[in-house]
């Protein structure tokens, strides 16, 4: 996970037309769903679903540089308009709050574009998060992308991952190798989590919601 400038006031706008919520029945692996939906995306996506800004180094999100700010009431407020079911679960266990955007300069714009992807941490100004209606409107995928926006990378890229998983480099498309490099992450003194919603893999991770360690890391990062 990357530490970044405080997302303690985070604002979201969502462009979807109708207010349909996430589908309740999720039968496919999160990683497969995301990668399948992103096949036609024209964006350069690191690790399959992390949008890399064209004008700045995506690796800048480090320590306090990309966190959303916390208000005086101790809540981390992030504006939004829809996708409430998935976000309410995060709110219920953390100090993160997703609220409709009014006039705030920094906000998340959730849009029905080609694929499921988001930026890593707070970037400043309008920040795009794509949830394609056909393929991305599942609770687990929504929560996965929003955790990227809060500053969390994929579990299998954390700095100590080689002690817990083995990457089969020989089975990999050479053009995709960069997606599996380790990152220099601050793991907040928490163990490797095979059940993390941020873990890719057919048999690792899960799609039911953030794990206990996912929630604890949010609370640690944002001092909840």
C-alpha atoms as a PDB file:
ATOM      1  CA  UNK A   1       0.000   0.000   0.000  1.00  0.00           C
ATOM      2  CA  UNK A   2       1.117   3.480  -0.807  1.00  0.00           C
ATOM      3  CA  UNK A   3       0.954   6.303   1.648  1.00  0.00           C
ATOM      4  CA  UNK A   4      -0.184   9.577   0.238  1.00  0.00           C
ATOM      5  CA  UNK A   5      -1.428  13.073   0.908  1.00  0.00           C
ATOM      6  CA  UNK A   6      -4.419  12.888   3.215  1.00  0.00           C
ATOM      7  CA  UNK A   7      -7.714  11.981   1.581  1.00  0.00           C
ATOM      8  CA  UNK A   8      -9.572  13.268   4.603  1.00  0.00           C
ATOM      9  CA  UNK A   9     -12.115  15.151   2.532  1.00  0.00           C
ATOM     10  CA  UNK A  10     -12.826  13.076  -0.523  1.00  0.00           C
ATOM     11  CA  UNK A  11     -15.516  14.010  -2.990  1.00  0.00           C
ATOM     12  CA  UNK A  12     -17.122  11.952  -5.723  1.00  0.00           C
ATOM     13  CA  UNK A  13     -19.344  12.565  -8.726  1.00  0.00           C
ATOM     14  CA  UNK A  14     -20.782   9.590 -10.610  1.00  0.00           C
ATOM     15  CA  UNK A  15     -22.156   9.666 -14.163  1.00  0.00           C
ATOM     16  CA  UNK A  16     -24.402   6.670 -14.783  1.00  0.00           C
ATOM     17  CA  UNK A  17     -27.860   7.825 -15.785  1.00  0.00           C
ATOM     18  CA  UNK A  18     -30.013   5.443 -13.755  1.00  0.00           C
ATOM     19  CA  UNK A  19     -29.238   4.770 -10.116  1.00  0.00           C
ATOM     20  CA  UNK A  20     -28.871   1.008 -10.288  1.00  0.00           C
ATOM     21  CA  UNK A  21     -26.806  -0.423  -7.466  1.00  0.00           C
ATOM     22  CA  UNK A  22     -24.185  -3.133  -7.649  1.00  0.00           C
ATOM     23  CA  UNK A  23     -25.298  -6.599  -8.617  1.00  0.00           C
ATOM     24  CA  UNK A  24     -25.741  -8.810  -5.577  1.00  0.00           C
ATOM     25  CA  UNK A  25     -24.678 -12.089  -7.181  1.00  0.00           C
ATOM     26  CA  UNK A  26     -20.978 -12.191  -7.966  1.00  0.00           C
ATOM     27  CA  UNK A  27     -19.908 -15.423  -9.568  1.00  0.00           C
ATOM     28  CA  UNK A  28     -16.582 -14.507 -11.153  1.00  0.00           C
ATOM     29  CA  UNK A  29     -13.157 -13.775  -9.759  1.00  0.00           C
ATOM     30  CA  UNK A  30     -12.494 -10.049  -9.316  1.00  0.00           C
ATOM     31  CA  UNK A  31      -9.236 -10.160 -11.277  1.00  0.00           C
ATOM     32  CA  UNK A  32     -10.827 -12.008 -14.193  1.00  0.00           C
ATOM     33  CA  UNK A  33     -13.777  -9.612 -14.231  1.00  0.00           C
ATOM     34  CA  UNK A  34     -11.542  -6.536 -14.193  1.00  0.00           C
ATOM     35  CA  UNK A  35      -9.062  -7.778 -16.795  1.00  0.00           C
ATOM     36  CA  UNK A  36     -11.850  -8.964 -19.100  1.00  0.00           C
ATOM     37  CA  UNK A  37     -13.620  -5.597 -18.892  1.00  0.00           C
ATOM     38  CA  UNK A  38     -10.350  -3.725 -19.510  1.00  0.00           C
ATOM     39  CA  UNK A  39      -9.400  -5.531 -22.729  1.00  0.00           C
ATOM     40  CA  UNK A  40     -10.845  -2.767 -24.903  1.00  0.00           C
ATOM     41  CA  UNK A  41      -9.629   0.138 -22.786  1.00  0.00           C
ATOM     42  CA  UNK A  42      -7.258   2.572 -24.501  1.00  0.00           C
ATOM     43  CA  UNK A  43      -5.774   3.617 -21.131  1.00  0.00           C
ATOM     44  CA  UNK A  44      -2.278   2.599 -20.015  1.00  0.00           C
ATOM     45  CA  UNK A  45      -3.141   0.554 -16.939  1.00  0.00           C
ATOM     46  CA  UNK A  46      -0.465  -0.607 -14.534  1.00  0.00           C
ATOM     47  CA  UNK A  47      -1.137  -4.048 -13.005  1.00  0.00           C
ATOM     48  CA  UNK A  48      -4.310  -4.244 -15.087  1.00  0.00           C
ATOM     49  CA  UNK A  49      -6.424  -1.536 -13.459  1.00  0.00           C
ATOM     50  CA  UNK A  50      -4.292   1.321 -12.055  1.00  0.00           C
ATOM     51  CA  UNK A  51      -4.466   4.360 -14.324  1.00  0.00           C
ATOM     52  CA  UNK A  52      -1.096   6.058 -14.785  1.00  0.00           C
ATOM     53  CA  UNK A  53      -1.249   9.872 -15.108  1.00  0.00           C
ATOM     54  CA  UNK A  54       0.228  11.126 -18.382  1.00  0.00           C
ATOM     55  CA  UNK A  55       1.857  14.186 -16.860  1.00  0.00           C
ATOM     56  CA  UNK A  56       3.326  12.877 -13.624  1.00  0.00           C
ATOM     57  CA  UNK A  57       5.133   9.895 -12.235  1.00  0.00           C
ATOM     58  CA  UNK A  58       2.640   7.446 -10.737  1.00  0.00           C
ATOM     59  CA  UNK A  59       5.309   6.319  -8.292  1.00  0.00           C
ATOM     60  CA  UNK A  60       5.067   9.646  -6.459  1.00  0.00           C
ATOM     61  CA  UNK A  61       2.343   8.275  -4.141  1.00  0.00           C
ATOM     62  CA  UNK A  62       4.450   7.632  -1.072  1.00  0.00           C
ATOM     63  CA  UNK A  63       3.827   8.080   2.633  1.00  0.00           C
ATOM     64  CA  UNK A  64       1.606  11.168   3.087  1.00  0.00           C
ATOM     65  CA  UNK A  65       1.671  12.490  -0.476  1.00  0.00           C
ATOM     66  CA  UNK A  66      -1.634  11.045  -1.741  1.00  0.00           C
ATOM     67  CA  UNK A  67      -3.947  10.477   1.199  1.00  0.00           C
ATOM     68  CA  UNK A  68      -7.322  12.178   1.361  1.00  0.00           C
ATOM     69  CA  UNK A  69      -7.610  14.694   4.177  1.00  0.00           C
ATOM     70  CA  UNK A  70      -9.388  14.106   7.486  1.00  0.00           C
ATOM     71  CA  UNK A  71     -11.762  16.775   8.736  1.00  0.00           C
ATOM     72  CA  UNK A  72     -11.955  18.232  12.229  1.00  0.00           C
ATOM     73  CA  UNK A  73     -14.680  15.714  13.062  1.00  0.00           C
ATOM     74  CA  UNK A  74     -12.218  12.870  12.448  1.00  0.00           C
ATOM     75  CA  UNK A  75     -13.967  11.682   9.280  1.00  0.00           C
ATOM     76  CA  UNK A  76     -12.315  11.246   5.884  1.00  0.00           C
ATOM     77  CA  UNK A  77     -14.973  12.656   3.582  1.00  0.00           C
ATOM     78  CA  UNK A  78     -15.044  11.619  -0.091  1.00  0.00           C
ATOM     79  CA  UNK A  79     -17.799  12.932  -2.336  1.00  0.00           C
ATOM     80  CA  UNK A  80     -19.850  10.599  -4.521  1.00  0.00           C
ATOM     81  CA  UNK A  81     -23.275  10.241  -6.133  1.00  0.00           C
ATOM     82  CA  UNK A  82     -24.041   6.518  -6.626  1.00  0.00           C
ATOM     83  CA  UNK A  83     -22.640   3.011  -6.039  1.00  0.00           C
ATOM     84  CA  UNK A  84     -23.688   3.467  -2.439  1.00  0.00           C
ATOM     85  CA  UNK A  85     -24.128  -0.161  -1.363  1.00  0.00           C
ATOM     86  CA  UNK A  86     -20.461  -1.037  -1.858  1.00  0.00           C
ATOM     87  CA  UNK A  87     -19.231   2.224  -0.339  1.00  0.00           C
ATOM     88  CA  UNK A  88     -21.456   2.028   2.739  1.00  0.00           C
ATOM     89  CA  UNK A  89     -19.732  -1.194   3.779  1.00  0.00           C
ATOM     90  CA  UNK A  90     -16.366   0.597   3.789  1.00  0.00           C
ATOM     91  CA  UNK A  91     -17.890   3.522   5.697  1.00  0.00           C
ATOM     92  CA  UNK A  92     -19.411   1.258   8.334  1.00  0.00           C
ATOM     93  CA  UNK A  93     -15.985  -0.049   9.400  1.00  0.00           C
ATOM     94  CA  UNK A  94     -13.728   2.988   8.902  1.00  0.00           C
ATOM     95  CA  UNK A  95     -13.666   6.788   9.229  1.00  0.00           C
ATOM     96  CA  UNK A  96     -13.945   7.155   5.432  1.00  0.00           C
ATOM     97  CA  UNK A  97     -17.072   9.019   4.247  1.00  0.00           C
ATOM     98  CA  UNK A  98     -18.210   9.255   0.626  1.00  0.00           C
ATOM     99  CA  UNK A  99     -20.361  12.332   0.028  1.00  0.00           C
ATOM    100  CA  UNK A 100     -21.896  14.038  -3.038  1.00  0.00           C
ATOM    101  CA  UNK A 101     -19.683  16.671  -4.591  1.00  0.00           C
ATOM    102  CA  UNK A 102     -20.836  20.261  -4.296  1.00  0.00           C
ATOM    103  CA  UNK A 103     -17.984  22.645  -5.101  1.00  0.00           C
ATOM    104  CA  UNK A 104     -14.867  20.811  -3.890  1.00  0.00           C
ATOM    105  CA  UNK A 105     -11.761  21.027  -6.091  1.00  0.00           C
ATOM    106  CA  UNK A 106     -10.490  17.512  -5.289  1.00  0.00           C
ATOM    107  CA  UNK A 107     -13.000  14.783  -6.081  1.00  0.00           C
ATOM    108  CA  UNK A 108     -13.496  11.372  -7.664  1.00  0.00           C
ATOM    109  CA  UNK A 109     -15.492  11.281 -10.888  1.00  0.00           C
ATOM    110  CA  UNK A 110     -16.958   7.781 -11.258  1.00  0.00           C
ATOM    111  CA  UNK A 111     -17.823   7.200 -14.903  1.00  0.00           C
ATOM    112  CA  UNK A 112     -19.174   4.490 -17.190  1.00  0.00           C
ATOM    113  CA  UNK A 113     -16.145   4.199 -19.464  1.00  0.00           C
ATOM    114  CA  UNK A 114     -14.392   1.251 -21.110  1.00  0.00           C
ATOM    115  CA  UNK A 115     -13.212  -0.923 -18.232  1.00  0.00           C
ATOM    116  CA  UNK A 116     -12.714  -0.962 -14.461  1.00  0.00           C
ATOM    117  CA  UNK A 117      -9.789   1.207 -13.324  1.00  0.00           C
ATOM    118  CA  UNK A 118      -8.737   4.033 -11.028  1.00  0.00           C
ATOM    119  CA  UNK A 119      -5.754   6.139  -9.988  1.00  0.00           C
ATOM    120  CA  UNK A 120      -3.566   5.233  -7.042  1.00  0.00           C
ATOM    121  CA  UNK A 121      -4.286   7.557  -4.130  1.00  0.00           C
ATOM    122  CA  UNK A 122      -5.260  11.211  -4.279  1.00  0.00           C
ATOM    123  CA  UNK A 123      -4.034  12.919  -7.446  1.00  0.00           C
ATOM    124  CA  UNK A 124      -5.649  16.347  -7.031  1.00  0.00           C
ATOM    125  CA  UNK A 125      -8.515  17.961  -8.947  1.00  0.00           C
ATOM    126  CA  UNK A 126     -10.942  15.822 -10.945  1.00  0.00           C
ATOM    127  CA  UNK A 127      -9.935  12.176 -10.576  1.00  0.00           C
ATOM    128  CA  UNK A 128     -11.445   9.592 -12.906  1.00  0.00           C
ATOM    129  CA  UNK A 129     -12.582   6.174 -11.688  1.00  0.00           C
ATOM    130  CA  UNK A 130     -14.114   3.983 -14.384  1.00  0.00           C
ATOM    131  CA  UNK A 131     -16.801   1.408 -13.639  1.00  0.00           C
ATOM    132  CA  UNK A 132     -18.143   0.149 -16.939  1.00  0.00           C
ATOM    133  CA  UNK A 133     -21.821  -0.727 -16.525  1.00  0.00           C
ATOM    134  CA  UNK A 134     -21.383  -4.016 -18.339  1.00  0.00           C
ATOM    135  CA  UNK A 135     -18.806  -5.928 -16.294  1.00  0.00           C
ATOM    136  CA  UNK A 136     -17.732  -3.680 -13.416  1.00  0.00           C
ATOM    137  CA  UNK A 137     -20.886  -3.072 -11.373  1.00  0.00           C
ATOM    138  CA  UNK A 138     -20.220  -5.712  -8.752  1.00  0.00           C
ATOM    139  CA  UNK A 139     -19.667  -4.919  -5.098  1.00  0.00           C
ATOM    140  CA  UNK A 140     -16.222  -6.523  -4.936  1.00  0.00           C
ATOM    141  CA  UNK A 141     -14.928  -4.776  -8.070  1.00  0.00           C
ATOM    142  CA  UNK A 142     -16.282  -1.401  -6.908  1.00  0.00           C
ATOM    143  CA  UNK A 143     -14.607  -1.777  -3.514  1.00  0.00           C
ATOM    144  CA  UNK A 144     -11.363  -2.965  -5.146  1.00  0.00           C
ATOM    145  CA  UNK A 145     -11.165   0.153  -7.328  1.00  0.00           C
ATOM    146  CA  UNK A 146     -12.040   2.503  -4.483  1.00  0.00           C
ATOM    147  CA  UNK A 147      -9.294   0.983  -2.322  1.00  0.00           C
ATOM    148  CA  UNK A 148      -6.851   1.848  -5.100  1.00  0.00           C
ATOM    149  CA  UNK A 149      -8.147   5.416  -4.902  1.00  0.00           C
ATOM    150  CA  UNK A 150      -7.605   5.411  -1.137  1.00  0.00           C
ATOM    151  CA  UNK A 151      -3.946   4.518  -1.754  1.00  0.00           C
ATOM    152  CA  UNK A 152      -3.746   0.706  -1.749  1.00  0.00           C
ATOM    153  CA  UNK A 153      -1.910  -1.371  -4.349  1.00  0.00           C
ATOM    154  CA  UNK A 154      -2.467  -5.032  -5.191  1.00  0.00           C
ATOM    155  CA  UNK A 155      -1.528  -7.371  -2.364  1.00  0.00           C
ATOM    156  CA  UNK A 156       0.634  -9.563  -4.609  1.00  0.00           C
ATOM    157  CA  UNK A 157       2.926  -6.617  -5.443  1.00  0.00           C
ATOM    158  CA  UNK A 158       3.763  -5.656  -1.847  1.00  0.00           C
ATOM    159  CA  UNK A 159       7.433  -5.485  -0.892  1.00  0.00           C
ATOM    160  CA  UNK A 160       7.569  -8.805   0.982  1.00  0.00           C
ATOM    161  CA  UNK A 161       5.419 -10.851  -1.388  1.00  0.00           C
ATOM    162  CA  UNK A 162       8.216 -13.251  -2.411  1.00  0.00           C
ATOM    163  CA  UNK A 163       8.040 -14.794   1.045  1.00  0.00           C
ATOM    164  CA  UNK A 164       4.408 -15.770   0.451  1.00  0.00           C
ATOM    165  CA  UNK A 165       3.759 -16.303  -3.260  1.00  0.00           C
ATOM    166  CA  UNK A 166       5.777 -17.506  -6.242  1.00  0.00           C
ATOM    167  CA  UNK A 167       5.439 -15.739  -9.597  1.00  0.00           C
ATOM    168  CA  UNK A 168       5.658 -18.093 -12.563  1.00  0.00           C
ATOM    169  CA  UNK A 169       7.591 -15.746 -14.838  1.00  0.00           C
ATOM    170  CA  UNK A 170       8.057 -18.465 -17.472  1.00  0.00           C
ATOM    171  CA  UNK A 171       4.294 -18.670 -18.017  1.00  0.00           C
ATOM    172  CA  UNK A 172       3.933 -14.933 -18.556  1.00  0.00           C
ATOM    173  CA  UNK A 173       3.594 -12.846 -21.688  1.00  0.00           C
ATOM    174  CA  UNK A 174       6.904 -10.939 -21.713  1.00  0.00           C
ATOM    175  CA  UNK A 175       5.125  -7.684 -22.542  1.00  0.00           C
ATOM    176  CA  UNK A 176       3.144  -8.002 -19.306  1.00  0.00           C
ATOM    177  CA  UNK A 177       6.053  -8.723 -16.935  1.00  0.00           C
ATOM    178  CA  UNK A 178       6.124  -5.162 -15.538  1.00  0.00           C
ATOM    179  CA  UNK A 179       2.669  -5.710 -14.056  1.00  0.00           C
ATOM    180  CA  UNK A 180       4.092  -8.240 -11.601  1.00  0.00           C
ATOM    181  CA  UNK A 181       7.111  -6.394 -10.241  1.00  0.00           C
ATOM    182  CA  UNK A 182       7.266  -5.867  -6.493  1.00  0.00           C
ATOM    183  CA  UNK A 183       6.564  -2.386  -5.138  1.00  0.00           C
ATOM    184  CA  UNK A 184       8.331  -0.623  -2.289  1.00  0.00           C
ATOM    185  CA  UNK A 185       5.322  -0.474  -0.019  1.00  0.00           C
ATOM    186  CA  UNK A 186       4.684   0.489   3.584  1.00  0.00           C
ATOM    187  CA  UNK A 187       2.803  -2.567   4.848  1.00  0.00           C
ATOM    188  CA  UNK A 188       1.816  -0.887   8.123  1.00  0.00           C
ATOM    189  CA  UNK A 189       3.228  -3.817  10.103  1.00  0.00           C
ATOM    190  CA  UNK A 190       0.401  -6.051   8.899  1.00  0.00           C
ATOM    191  CA  UNK A 191       0.798  -9.618   7.602  1.00  0.00           C
ATOM    192  CA  UNK A 192       0.464 -10.749   4.010  1.00  0.00           C
ATOM    193  CA  UNK A 193      -3.245 -11.268   3.405  1.00  0.00           C
ATOM    194  CA  UNK A 194      -4.315 -14.064   1.057  1.00  0.00           C
ATOM    195  CA  UNK A 195      -7.940 -13.030   1.654  1.00  0.00           C
ATOM    196  CA  UNK A 196      -7.463  -9.386   0.689  1.00  0.00           C
ATOM    197  CA  UNK A 197      -9.914  -7.959  -1.813  1.00  0.00           C
ATOM    198  CA  UNK A 198      -6.798  -6.420  -3.395  1.00  0.00           C
ATOM    199  CA  UNK A 199      -5.268  -9.843  -4.167  1.00  0.00           C
ATOM    200  CA  UNK A 200      -5.419 -11.108  -7.732  1.00  0.00           C
ATOM    201  CA  UNK A 201      -5.662 -14.788  -8.612  1.00  0.00           C
ATOM    202  CA  UNK A 202      -8.084 -17.571  -9.387  1.00  0.00           C
ATOM    203  CA  UNK A 203      -7.669 -19.280  -6.014  1.00  0.00           C
ATOM    204  CA  UNK A 204      -6.403 -16.422  -3.790  1.00  0.00           C
ATOM    205  CA  UNK A 205      -8.307 -13.414  -2.531  1.00  0.00           C
ATOM    206  CA  UNK A 206     -12.080 -13.169  -2.477  1.00  0.00           C
ATOM    207  CA  UNK A 207     -14.939 -11.041  -3.808  1.00  0.00           C
ATOM    208  CA  UNK A 208     -17.245 -10.724  -0.809  1.00  0.00           C
ATOM    209  CA  UNK A 209     -15.797  -7.456   0.488  1.00  0.00           C
ATOM    210  CA  UNK A 210     -12.708  -6.042   2.211  1.00  0.00           C
ATOM    211  CA  UNK A 211     -11.011  -8.524   4.527  1.00  0.00           C
ATOM    212  CA  UNK A 212     -10.402  -7.768   8.190  1.00  0.00           C
ATOM    213  CA  UNK A 213      -6.820  -6.804   7.327  1.00  0.00           C
ATOM    214  CA  UNK A 214      -8.014  -4.564   4.458  1.00  0.00           C
ATOM    215  CA  UNK A 215     -10.188  -2.694   6.947  1.00  0.00           C
ATOM    216  CA  UNK A 216      -7.449  -2.520   9.552  1.00  0.00           C
ATOM    217  CA  UNK A 217      -5.021  -1.065   7.009  1.00  0.00           C
ATOM    218  CA  UNK A 218      -7.474   1.646   6.006  1.00  0.00           C
ATOM    219  CA  UNK A 219      -7.901   2.557   9.667  1.00  0.00           C
ATOM    220  CA  UNK A 220      -4.146   2.538  10.243  1.00  0.00           C
ATOM    221  CA  UNK A 221      -3.343   4.620   7.153  1.00  0.00           C
ATOM    222  CA  UNK A 222      -6.004   7.221   7.937  1.00  0.00           C
ATOM    223  CA  UNK A 223      -5.560   7.131  11.717  1.00  0.00           C
ATOM    224  CA  UNK A 224      -9.213   6.210  12.215  1.00  0.00           C
END
